[in-house]
Amino acid sequence: MGTEIERKFLLVGNNWKKLARGIVYRQGYLHSSRERTVRVRIAGNRGFLTIKGGGVGISRMEFEYQIPVEDAEIILEKLCEKPFIEKKRYKIEYAGFTWEVDEFFGENDGLTMAEIELTSEEQPFDKPPWVGKEVSGDPRYFNAVLSKFPYTTWDKKKQGAE
């Protein structure tokens, strides 16, 4: 069984952009609920099917399988809920960890987040200077939620979003 232990953060400034080149991601959900999500993703020229279980804290079950990109394209267009999650992902090494920075566009334009995967919930790590407020526990920032309630539709003053 795969387990994902992930923390998410909003970003400060744009200095991180000069540290890596991004890959375009497009993903859609076949099913998304608190208990489980099933998504299809195209990352560059590769397709993936991912199944995630409901989480406890920042941990949850995760199973990911590469599938033919042609199949991923058909599933996205014919079977997945709209709108898609569209983003450019940058992988940046910092203090022994790989940070994944997602710069969203489309329905979630204006949102940029960084995430780090850990081996335990208590694992210490150093935050890069471009990493700001943690949003790991805020479900609004889960990709499955962003596909239903896109960032561009948020009333940021009312909801306290940054």
N, C-alpha and C. Protein backbone atom coordinates (compact mmCIF):
# COMPACT_ATOMS: atom_id res chain seq x y z
N MET A 1 0.85 -1.18 0.00
CA MET A 1 0.00 0.00 0.00
C MET A 1 0.89 1.23 0.00
N GLY A 2 0.55 2.23 -0.83
CA GLY A 2 1.27 3.49 -0.87
C GLY A 2 0.66 4.48 0.10
N THR A 3 1.51 5.26 0.74
CA THR A 3 1.05 6.31 1.64
C THR A 3 1.69 7.62 1.22
N GLU A 4 0.88 8.65 1.13
CA GLU A 4 1.36 9.98 0.81
C GLU A 4 1.27 10.83 2.08
N ILE A 5 2.38 11.44 2.44
CA ILE A 5 2.42 12.38 3.56
C ILE A 5 2.91 13.69 2.97
N GLU A 6 2.00 14.65 2.89
CA GLU A 6 2.26 15.86 2.11
C GLU A 6 1.83 17.09 2.88
N ARG A 7 2.66 18.14 2.81
CA ARG A 7 2.30 19.44 3.37
C ARG A 7 2.28 20.46 2.24
N LYS A 8 1.30 21.38 2.30
CA LYS A 8 1.10 22.39 1.24
C LYS A 8 1.25 23.79 1.83
N PHE A 9 1.82 24.67 0.99
CA PHE A 9 2.07 26.05 1.40
C PHE A 9 1.77 27.00 0.24
N LEU A 10 1.32 28.20 0.59
CA LEU A 10 1.22 29.27 -0.39
C LEU A 10 2.63 29.84 -0.58
N LEU A 11 2.82 30.57 -1.67
CA LEU A 11 4.15 31.09 -1.97
C LEU A 11 4.24 32.58 -1.72
N VAL A 12 5.47 33.04 -1.56
CA VAL A 12 5.77 34.45 -1.38
C VAL A 12 6.67 34.86 -2.54
N GLY A 13 6.23 35.80 -3.34
CA GLY A 13 7.03 36.30 -4.45
C GLY A 13 7.18 35.31 -5.60
N ASN A 14 8.08 35.63 -6.52
CA ASN A 14 8.31 34.80 -7.71
C ASN A 14 9.76 34.34 -7.85
N ASN A 15 10.58 34.50 -6.84
CA ASN A 15 11.99 34.12 -6.95
C ASN A 15 12.18 32.63 -7.25
N TRP A 16 11.24 31.80 -6.89
CA TRP A 16 11.33 30.37 -7.13
C TRP A 16 11.34 30.05 -8.63
N LYS A 17 10.76 30.92 -9.45
CA LYS A 17 10.60 30.63 -10.89
C LYS A 17 11.93 30.44 -11.61
N LYS A 18 12.98 31.09 -11.15
CA LYS A 18 14.27 30.97 -11.83
C LYS A 18 15.03 29.71 -11.42
N LEU A 19 14.46 28.90 -10.54
CA LEU A 19 15.15 27.72 -10.02
C LEU A 19 14.85 26.44 -10.79
N ALA A 20 13.85 26.44 -11.65
CA ALA A 20 13.48 25.19 -12.36
C ALA A 20 12.64 25.52 -13.58
N ARG A 21 12.52 24.53 -14.46
CA ARG A 21 11.62 24.62 -15.61
C ARG A 21 10.39 23.80 -15.29
N GLY A 22 9.25 24.29 -15.69
CA GLY A 22 8.00 23.61 -15.36
C GLY A 22 7.51 22.69 -16.46
N ILE A 23 6.66 21.75 -16.06
CA ILE A 23 5.98 20.83 -16.97
C ILE A 23 4.48 21.08 -16.83
N VAL A 24 3.78 21.15 -17.94
CA VAL A 24 2.34 21.39 -17.91
C VAL A 24 1.61 20.12 -17.51
N TYR A 25 0.67 20.26 -16.59
CA TYR A 25 -0.18 19.17 -16.11
C TYR A 25 -1.62 19.53 -16.42
N ARG A 26 -2.38 18.51 -16.77
CA ARG A 26 -3.83 18.66 -16.92
C ARG A 26 -4.43 17.43 -16.27
N GLN A 27 -5.36 17.64 -15.36
CA GLN A 27 -5.95 16.49 -14.67
C GLN A 27 -7.44 16.69 -14.46
N GLY A 28 -8.13 15.57 -14.42
CA GLY A 28 -9.56 15.57 -14.19
C GLY A 28 -9.93 14.45 -13.24
N TYR A 29 -11.11 14.56 -12.68
CA TYR A 29 -11.56 13.60 -11.67
C TYR A 29 -12.71 12.76 -12.19
N LEU A 30 -12.55 11.45 -12.03
CA LEU A 30 -13.64 10.51 -12.32
C LEU A 30 -14.56 10.42 -11.12
N HIS A 31 -13.98 10.59 -9.93
CA HIS A 31 -14.75 10.57 -8.68
C HIS A 31 -13.96 11.36 -7.65
N SER A 32 -14.66 12.18 -6.89
CA SER A 32 -13.99 12.88 -5.79
C SER A 32 -14.97 13.05 -4.64
N SER A 33 -14.55 12.54 -3.50
CA SER A 33 -15.30 12.68 -2.26
C SER A 33 -14.29 12.73 -1.12
N ARG A 34 -14.77 12.95 0.06
CA ARG A 34 -13.88 12.99 1.23
C ARG A 34 -13.19 11.64 1.43
N GLU A 35 -13.87 10.56 1.09
CA GLU A 35 -13.34 9.22 1.35
C GLU A 35 -12.35 8.75 0.29
N ARG A 36 -12.50 9.23 -0.98
CA ARG A 36 -11.62 8.75 -2.05
C ARG A 36 -11.71 9.67 -3.25
N THR A 37 -10.61 9.69 -4.01
CA THR A 37 -10.61 10.37 -5.30
C THR A 37 -9.97 9.46 -6.33
N VAL A 38 -10.47 9.56 -7.54
CA VAL A 38 -9.89 8.85 -8.68
C VAL A 38 -9.68 9.90 -9.77
N ARG A 39 -8.42 10.08 -10.16
CA ARG A 39 -8.13 11.11 -11.15
C ARG A 39 -7.30 10.54 -12.29
N VAL A 40 -7.35 11.25 -13.41
CA VAL A 40 -6.51 10.98 -14.56
C VAL A 40 -5.72 12.24 -14.81
N ARG A 41 -4.43 12.07 -15.10
CA ARG A 41 -3.54 13.21 -15.26
C ARG A 41 -2.65 12.99 -16.47
N ILE A 42 -2.42 14.08 -17.18
CA ILE A 42 -1.38 14.10 -18.21
C ILE A 42 -0.32 15.07 -17.72
N ALA A 43 0.90 14.58 -17.60
CA ALA A 43 2.05 15.38 -17.17
C ALA A 43 3.07 15.34 -18.29
N GLY A 44 3.17 16.46 -19.01
CA GLY A 44 4.04 16.46 -20.18
C GLY A 44 3.46 15.54 -21.23
N ASN A 45 4.17 14.45 -21.53
CA ASN A 45 3.68 13.48 -22.52
C ASN A 45 3.41 12.12 -21.90
N ARG A 46 3.10 12.10 -20.61
CA ARG A 46 2.82 10.84 -19.90
C ARG A 46 1.46 10.90 -19.23
N GLY A 47 0.76 9.77 -19.21
CA GLY A 47 -0.55 9.68 -18.58
C GLY A 47 -0.49 8.88 -17.29
N PHE A 48 -1.36 9.22 -16.34
CA PHE A 48 -1.40 8.54 -15.05
C PHE A 48 -2.84 8.39 -14.56
N LEU A 49 -3.09 7.29 -13.88
CA LEU A 49 -4.33 7.06 -13.14
C LEU A 49 -3.94 7.01 -11.68
N THR A 50 -4.60 7.81 -10.85
CA THR A 50 -4.27 7.88 -9.42
C THR A 50 -5.52 7.69 -8.60
N ILE A 51 -5.39 6.85 -7.57
CA ILE A 51 -6.47 6.60 -6.61
C ILE A 51 -5.95 7.01 -5.24
N LYS A 52 -6.69 7.88 -4.56
CA LYS A 52 -6.29 8.34 -3.23
C LYS A 52 -7.41 8.06 -2.25
N GLY A 53 -7.04 7.61 -1.07
CA GLY A 53 -8.00 7.38 0.00
C GLY A 53 -8.14 8.61 0.87
N GLY A 54 -9.19 8.63 1.66
CA GLY A 54 -9.39 9.73 2.60
C GLY A 54 -8.24 9.80 3.56
N GLY A 55 -7.93 10.99 4.01
CA GLY A 55 -6.75 11.17 4.84
C GLY A 55 -7.05 11.34 6.31
N VAL A 56 -6.00 11.13 7.08
CA VAL A 56 -5.99 11.44 8.50
C VAL A 56 -4.79 12.35 8.69
N GLY A 57 -5.02 13.58 9.13
CA GLY A 57 -3.93 14.54 9.22
C GLY A 57 -3.43 14.86 7.82
N ILE A 58 -2.12 14.73 7.62
CA ILE A 58 -1.54 15.00 6.31
C ILE A 58 -1.18 13.71 5.58
N SER A 59 -1.66 12.56 6.08
CA SER A 59 -1.36 11.26 5.47
C SER A 59 -2.61 10.68 4.82
N ARG A 60 -2.40 9.96 3.70
CA ARG A 60 -3.50 9.26 3.05
C ARG A 60 -2.92 8.18 2.12
N MET A 61 -3.77 7.20 1.80
CA MET A 61 -3.36 6.17 0.86
C MET A 61 -3.30 6.78 -0.53
N GLU A 62 -2.31 6.31 -1.32
CA GLU A 62 -2.19 6.77 -2.70
C GLU A 62 -1.63 5.65 -3.56
N PHE A 63 -2.29 5.42 -4.69
CA PHE A 63 -1.85 4.43 -5.67
C PHE A 63 -1.84 5.12 -7.03
N GLU A 64 -0.68 5.11 -7.70
CA GLU A 64 -0.58 5.78 -8.99
C GLU A 64 0.03 4.83 -10.02
N TYR A 65 -0.57 4.85 -11.22
CA TYR A 65 -0.16 3.94 -12.28
C TYR A 65 -0.04 4.71 -13.58
N GLN A 66 1.06 4.47 -14.30
CA GLN A 66 1.20 5.10 -15.61
C GLN A 66 0.29 4.38 -16.59
N ILE A 67 -0.40 5.18 -17.43
CA ILE A 67 -1.26 4.64 -18.48
C ILE A 67 -0.88 5.31 -19.79
N PRO A 68 -1.24 4.72 -20.93
CA PRO A 68 -0.93 5.38 -22.20
C PRO A 68 -1.54 6.78 -22.26
N VAL A 69 -0.75 7.74 -22.73
CA VAL A 69 -1.21 9.13 -22.78
C VAL A 69 -2.45 9.25 -23.66
N GLU A 70 -2.56 8.43 -24.69
CA GLU A 70 -3.75 8.47 -25.55
C GLU A 70 -5.00 8.09 -24.76
N ASP A 71 -4.88 7.08 -23.90
CA ASP A 71 -6.01 6.69 -23.04
C ASP A 71 -6.35 7.82 -22.07
N ALA A 72 -5.32 8.44 -21.48
CA ALA A 72 -5.55 9.54 -20.54
C ALA A 72 -6.31 10.68 -21.22
N GLU A 73 -5.94 10.99 -22.46
CA GLU A 73 -6.63 12.07 -23.18
C GLU A 73 -8.11 11.75 -23.40
N ILE A 74 -8.41 10.52 -23.78
CA ILE A 74 -9.81 10.12 -24.00
C ILE A 74 -10.59 10.16 -22.69
N ILE A 75 -10.00 9.63 -21.62
CA ILE A 75 -10.68 9.62 -20.32
C ILE A 75 -10.94 11.04 -19.85
N LEU A 76 -9.94 11.92 -19.99
CA LEU A 76 -10.13 13.32 -19.59
C LEU A 76 -11.29 13.96 -20.35
N GLU A 77 -11.30 13.81 -21.64
CA GLU A 77 -12.30 14.48 -22.47
C GLU A 77 -13.69 13.87 -22.35
N LYS A 78 -13.78 12.56 -22.23
CA LYS A 78 -15.08 11.88 -22.28
C LYS A 78 -15.68 11.54 -20.92
N LEU A 79 -14.84 11.33 -19.90
CA LEU A 79 -15.35 10.80 -18.64
C LEU A 79 -15.16 11.68 -17.41
N CYS A 80 -14.20 12.57 -17.44
CA CYS A 80 -13.87 13.35 -16.24
C CYS A 80 -14.78 14.56 -16.07
N GLU A 81 -14.96 14.92 -14.79
CA GLU A 81 -15.71 16.12 -14.44
C GLU A 81 -14.95 17.34 -14.93
N LYS A 82 -15.66 18.39 -15.23
CA LYS A 82 -15.06 19.65 -15.65
C LYS A 82 -15.31 20.68 -14.55
N PRO A 83 -14.52 21.70 -14.39
CA PRO A 83 -13.33 22.01 -15.18
C PRO A 83 -12.14 21.16 -14.75
N PHE A 84 -11.14 21.08 -15.63
CA PHE A 84 -9.91 20.38 -15.31
C PHE A 84 -9.05 21.23 -14.39
N ILE A 85 -8.13 20.58 -13.74
CA ILE A 85 -7.05 21.27 -13.04
C ILE A 85 -5.94 21.43 -14.07
N GLU A 86 -5.55 22.68 -14.31
CA GLU A 86 -4.49 22.98 -15.26
C GLU A 86 -3.41 23.75 -14.51
N LYS A 87 -2.18 23.27 -14.64
CA LYS A 87 -1.10 23.91 -13.90
C LYS A 87 0.23 23.59 -14.55
N LYS A 88 1.22 24.36 -14.15
CA LYS A 88 2.60 24.06 -14.52
C LYS A 88 3.30 23.70 -13.22
N ARG A 89 3.97 22.55 -13.22
CA ARG A 89 4.65 22.06 -12.01
C ARG A 89 6.16 22.20 -12.18
N TYR A 90 6.76 22.79 -11.15
CA TYR A 90 8.20 22.98 -11.08
C TYR A 90 8.73 22.13 -9.92
N LYS A 91 9.79 21.37 -10.14
CA LYS A 91 10.42 20.59 -9.07
C LYS A 91 11.71 21.28 -8.70
N ILE A 92 11.78 21.68 -7.41
CA ILE A 92 12.91 22.48 -6.93
C ILE A 92 13.54 21.79 -5.73
N GLU A 93 14.84 21.54 -5.82
CA GLU A 93 15.59 20.95 -4.72
C GLU A 93 15.94 22.04 -3.71
N TYR A 94 15.70 21.74 -2.42
CA TYR A 94 16.06 22.68 -1.37
C TYR A 94 16.31 21.91 -0.08
N ALA A 95 17.49 22.03 0.47
CA ALA A 95 17.87 21.46 1.77
C ALA A 95 17.55 19.96 1.86
N GLY A 96 17.85 19.22 0.80
CA GLY A 96 17.67 17.77 0.82
C GLY A 96 16.28 17.27 0.47
N PHE A 97 15.38 18.16 0.09
CA PHE A 97 14.01 17.78 -0.27
C PHE A 97 13.69 18.30 -1.67
N THR A 98 12.75 17.64 -2.32
CA THR A 98 12.22 18.13 -3.59
C THR A 98 10.88 18.80 -3.31
N TRP A 99 10.80 20.08 -3.58
CA TRP A 99 9.57 20.84 -3.47
C TRP A 99 8.90 20.86 -4.83
N GLU A 100 7.60 20.61 -4.86
CA GLU A 100 6.83 20.71 -6.09
C GLU A 100 6.00 21.98 -6.01
N VAL A 101 6.28 22.90 -6.92
CA VAL A 101 5.57 24.18 -6.97
C VAL A 101 4.58 24.11 -8.12
N ASP A 102 3.31 24.35 -7.82
CA ASP A 102 2.26 24.33 -8.83
C ASP A 102 1.77 25.75 -9.07
N GLU A 103 1.92 26.19 -10.32
CA GLU A 103 1.42 27.48 -10.77
C GLU A 103 0.18 27.20 -11.61
N PHE A 104 -0.99 27.50 -11.06
CA PHE A 104 -2.26 27.15 -11.70
C PHE A 104 -2.64 28.17 -12.76
N PHE A 105 -3.34 27.71 -13.76
CA PHE A 105 -3.94 28.59 -14.76
C PHE A 105 -5.33 28.06 -15.06
N GLY A 106 -6.00 28.60 -16.07
CA GLY A 106 -7.38 28.20 -16.34
C GLY A 106 -8.28 28.68 -15.23
N GLU A 107 -9.15 27.81 -14.75
CA GLU A 107 -10.14 28.17 -13.72
C GLU A 107 -9.51 28.48 -12.36
N ASN A 108 -8.25 28.13 -12.17
CA ASN A 108 -7.57 28.38 -10.89
C ASN A 108 -6.42 29.37 -11.05
N ASP A 109 -6.50 30.20 -12.10
CA ASP A 109 -5.47 31.18 -12.37
C ASP A 109 -5.24 32.08 -11.16
N GLY A 110 -3.98 32.36 -10.88
CA GLY A 110 -3.65 33.23 -9.76
C GLY A 110 -3.22 32.47 -8.51
N LEU A 111 -3.45 31.19 -8.46
CA LEU A 111 -3.08 30.38 -7.30
C LEU A 111 -1.73 29.71 -7.56
N THR A 112 -0.83 29.82 -6.60
CA THR A 112 0.46 29.15 -6.67
C THR A 112 0.74 28.53 -5.31
N MET A 113 1.05 27.23 -5.31
CA MET A 113 1.31 26.51 -4.06
C MET A 113 2.57 25.66 -4.20
N ALA A 114 3.18 25.39 -3.06
CA ALA A 114 4.31 24.45 -3.00
C ALA A 114 3.91 23.32 -2.08
N GLU A 115 4.36 22.12 -2.43
CA GLU A 115 4.12 20.98 -1.55
C GLU A 115 5.40 20.19 -1.38
N ILE A 116 5.50 19.54 -0.24
CA ILE A 116 6.64 18.71 0.08
C ILE A 116 6.11 17.38 0.59
N GLU A 117 6.70 16.28 0.11
CA GLU A 117 6.33 14.95 0.59
C GLU A 117 7.35 14.50 1.62
N LEU A 118 6.83 13.95 2.71
CA LEU A 118 7.66 13.54 3.84
C LEU A 118 7.54 12.04 4.08
N THR A 119 8.44 11.49 4.88
CA THR A 119 8.37 10.06 5.23
C THR A 119 7.60 9.84 6.51
N SER A 120 7.40 10.91 7.32
CA SER A 120 6.55 10.83 8.50
C SER A 120 5.97 12.21 8.75
N GLU A 121 4.86 12.26 9.48
CA GLU A 121 4.22 13.55 9.75
C GLU A 121 5.09 14.45 10.61
N GLU A 122 6.00 13.86 11.39
CA GLU A 122 6.85 14.64 12.30
C GLU A 122 8.20 14.98 11.68
N GLN A 123 8.47 14.56 10.46
CA GLN A 123 9.77 14.78 9.84
C GLN A 123 10.08 16.26 9.74
N PRO A 124 11.24 16.69 10.26
CA PRO A 124 11.60 18.11 10.16
C PRO A 124 12.12 18.45 8.77
N PHE A 125 11.95 19.71 8.38
CA PHE A 125 12.46 20.21 7.11
C PHE A 125 12.62 21.71 7.20
N ASP A 126 13.47 22.24 6.36
CA ASP A 126 13.67 23.68 6.29
C ASP A 126 12.82 24.23 5.15
N LYS A 127 12.12 25.34 5.42
CA LYS A 127 11.31 25.98 4.39
C LYS A 127 12.17 26.94 3.59
N PRO A 128 12.04 26.89 2.27
CA PRO A 128 12.73 27.89 1.44
C PRO A 128 12.16 29.28 1.71
N PRO A 129 12.92 30.33 1.40
CA PRO A 129 12.44 31.69 1.67
C PRO A 129 11.19 32.08 0.87
N TRP A 130 10.89 31.38 -0.21
CA TRP A 130 9.73 31.69 -1.04
C TRP A 130 8.47 30.94 -0.61
N VAL A 131 8.57 30.18 0.48
CA VAL A 131 7.42 29.43 1.00
C VAL A 131 6.78 30.22 2.13
N GLY A 132 5.45 30.41 2.05
CA GLY A 132 4.73 31.20 3.04
C GLY A 132 3.81 30.36 3.91
N LYS A 133 2.59 30.81 4.03
CA LYS A 133 1.59 30.23 4.92
C LYS A 133 1.26 28.78 4.56
N GLU A 134 1.18 27.92 5.60
CA GLU A 134 0.80 26.53 5.37
C GLU A 134 -0.72 26.43 5.21
N VAL A 135 -1.15 25.61 4.22
CA VAL A 135 -2.56 25.40 3.96
C VAL A 135 -2.90 23.90 3.90
N SER A 136 -2.03 23.07 4.49
CA SER A 136 -2.22 21.61 4.43
C SER A 136 -3.59 21.18 4.94
N GLY A 137 -4.07 21.81 5.99
CA GLY A 137 -5.34 21.41 6.59
C GLY A 137 -6.56 22.11 6.02
N ASP A 138 -6.38 22.94 5.04
CA ASP A 138 -7.48 23.70 4.46
C ASP A 138 -7.97 23.00 3.19
N PRO A 139 -9.13 22.35 3.23
CA PRO A 139 -9.59 21.57 2.08
C PRO A 139 -9.81 22.39 0.81
N ARG A 140 -9.97 23.70 0.92
CA ARG A 140 -10.15 24.52 -0.28
C ARG A 140 -8.98 24.37 -1.25
N TYR A 141 -7.80 24.02 -0.72
CA TYR A 141 -6.60 23.94 -1.53
C TYR A 141 -6.32 22.53 -2.06
N PHE A 142 -7.19 21.57 -1.80
CA PHE A 142 -7.04 20.24 -2.38
C PHE A 142 -7.42 20.33 -3.86
N ASN A 143 -6.66 19.69 -4.72
CA ASN A 143 -6.95 19.75 -6.16
C ASN A 143 -8.37 19.28 -6.47
N ALA A 144 -8.82 18.23 -5.81
CA ALA A 144 -10.18 17.73 -6.07
C ALA A 144 -11.23 18.78 -5.73
N VAL A 145 -11.00 19.57 -4.69
CA VAL A 145 -11.92 20.63 -4.32
C VAL A 145 -11.80 21.79 -5.31
N LEU A 146 -10.56 22.11 -5.72
CA LEU A 146 -10.36 23.19 -6.69
C LEU A 146 -11.03 22.89 -8.02
N SER A 147 -11.22 21.61 -8.34
CA SER A 147 -11.92 21.28 -9.58
C SER A 147 -13.42 21.58 -9.48
N LYS A 148 -13.96 21.56 -8.27
CA LYS A 148 -15.39 21.86 -8.07
C LYS A 148 -15.62 23.32 -7.70
N PHE A 149 -14.70 23.89 -6.96
CA PHE A 149 -14.79 25.28 -6.49
C PHE A 149 -13.50 26.00 -6.85
N PRO A 150 -13.35 26.38 -8.13
CA PRO A 150 -12.09 26.96 -8.59
C PRO A 150 -11.72 28.26 -7.87
N TYR A 151 -10.44 28.47 -7.78
CA TYR A 151 -9.88 29.64 -7.10
C TYR A 151 -10.42 30.95 -7.66
N THR A 152 -10.65 31.02 -8.96
CA THR A 152 -11.12 32.27 -9.57
C THR A 152 -12.54 32.63 -9.13
N THR A 153 -13.27 31.68 -8.52
CA THR A 153 -14.63 31.96 -8.06
C THR A 153 -14.69 32.33 -6.59
N TRP A 154 -13.57 32.24 -5.89
CA TRP A 154 -13.56 32.53 -4.46
C TRP A 154 -13.76 34.02 -4.22
N ASP A 155 -14.50 34.33 -3.17
CA ASP A 155 -14.57 35.69 -2.66
C ASP A 155 -13.46 35.76 -1.62
N LYS A 156 -12.30 36.20 -2.03
CA LYS A 156 -11.11 36.11 -1.18
C LYS A 156 -11.22 36.90 0.12
N LYS A 157 -11.90 38.03 0.09
CA LYS A 157 -12.07 38.80 1.33
C LYS A 157 -12.98 38.07 2.30
N LYS A 158 -14.05 37.52 1.77
CA LYS A 158 -15.03 36.83 2.62
C LYS A 158 -14.46 35.54 3.22
N GLN A 159 -13.67 34.80 2.41
CA GLN A 159 -13.16 33.51 2.86
C GLN A 159 -11.79 33.61 3.54
N GLY A 160 -11.17 34.76 3.51
CA GLY A 160 -9.86 34.91 4.15
C GLY A 160 -8.73 34.29 3.36
N ALA A 161 -8.94 34.07 2.07
CA ALA A 161 -7.87 33.49 1.24
C ALA A 161 -6.79 34.52 1.01
N GLU A 162 -5.61 34.00 0.74
CA GLU A 162 -4.50 34.91 0.50
C GLU A 162 -4.00 34.78 -0.91
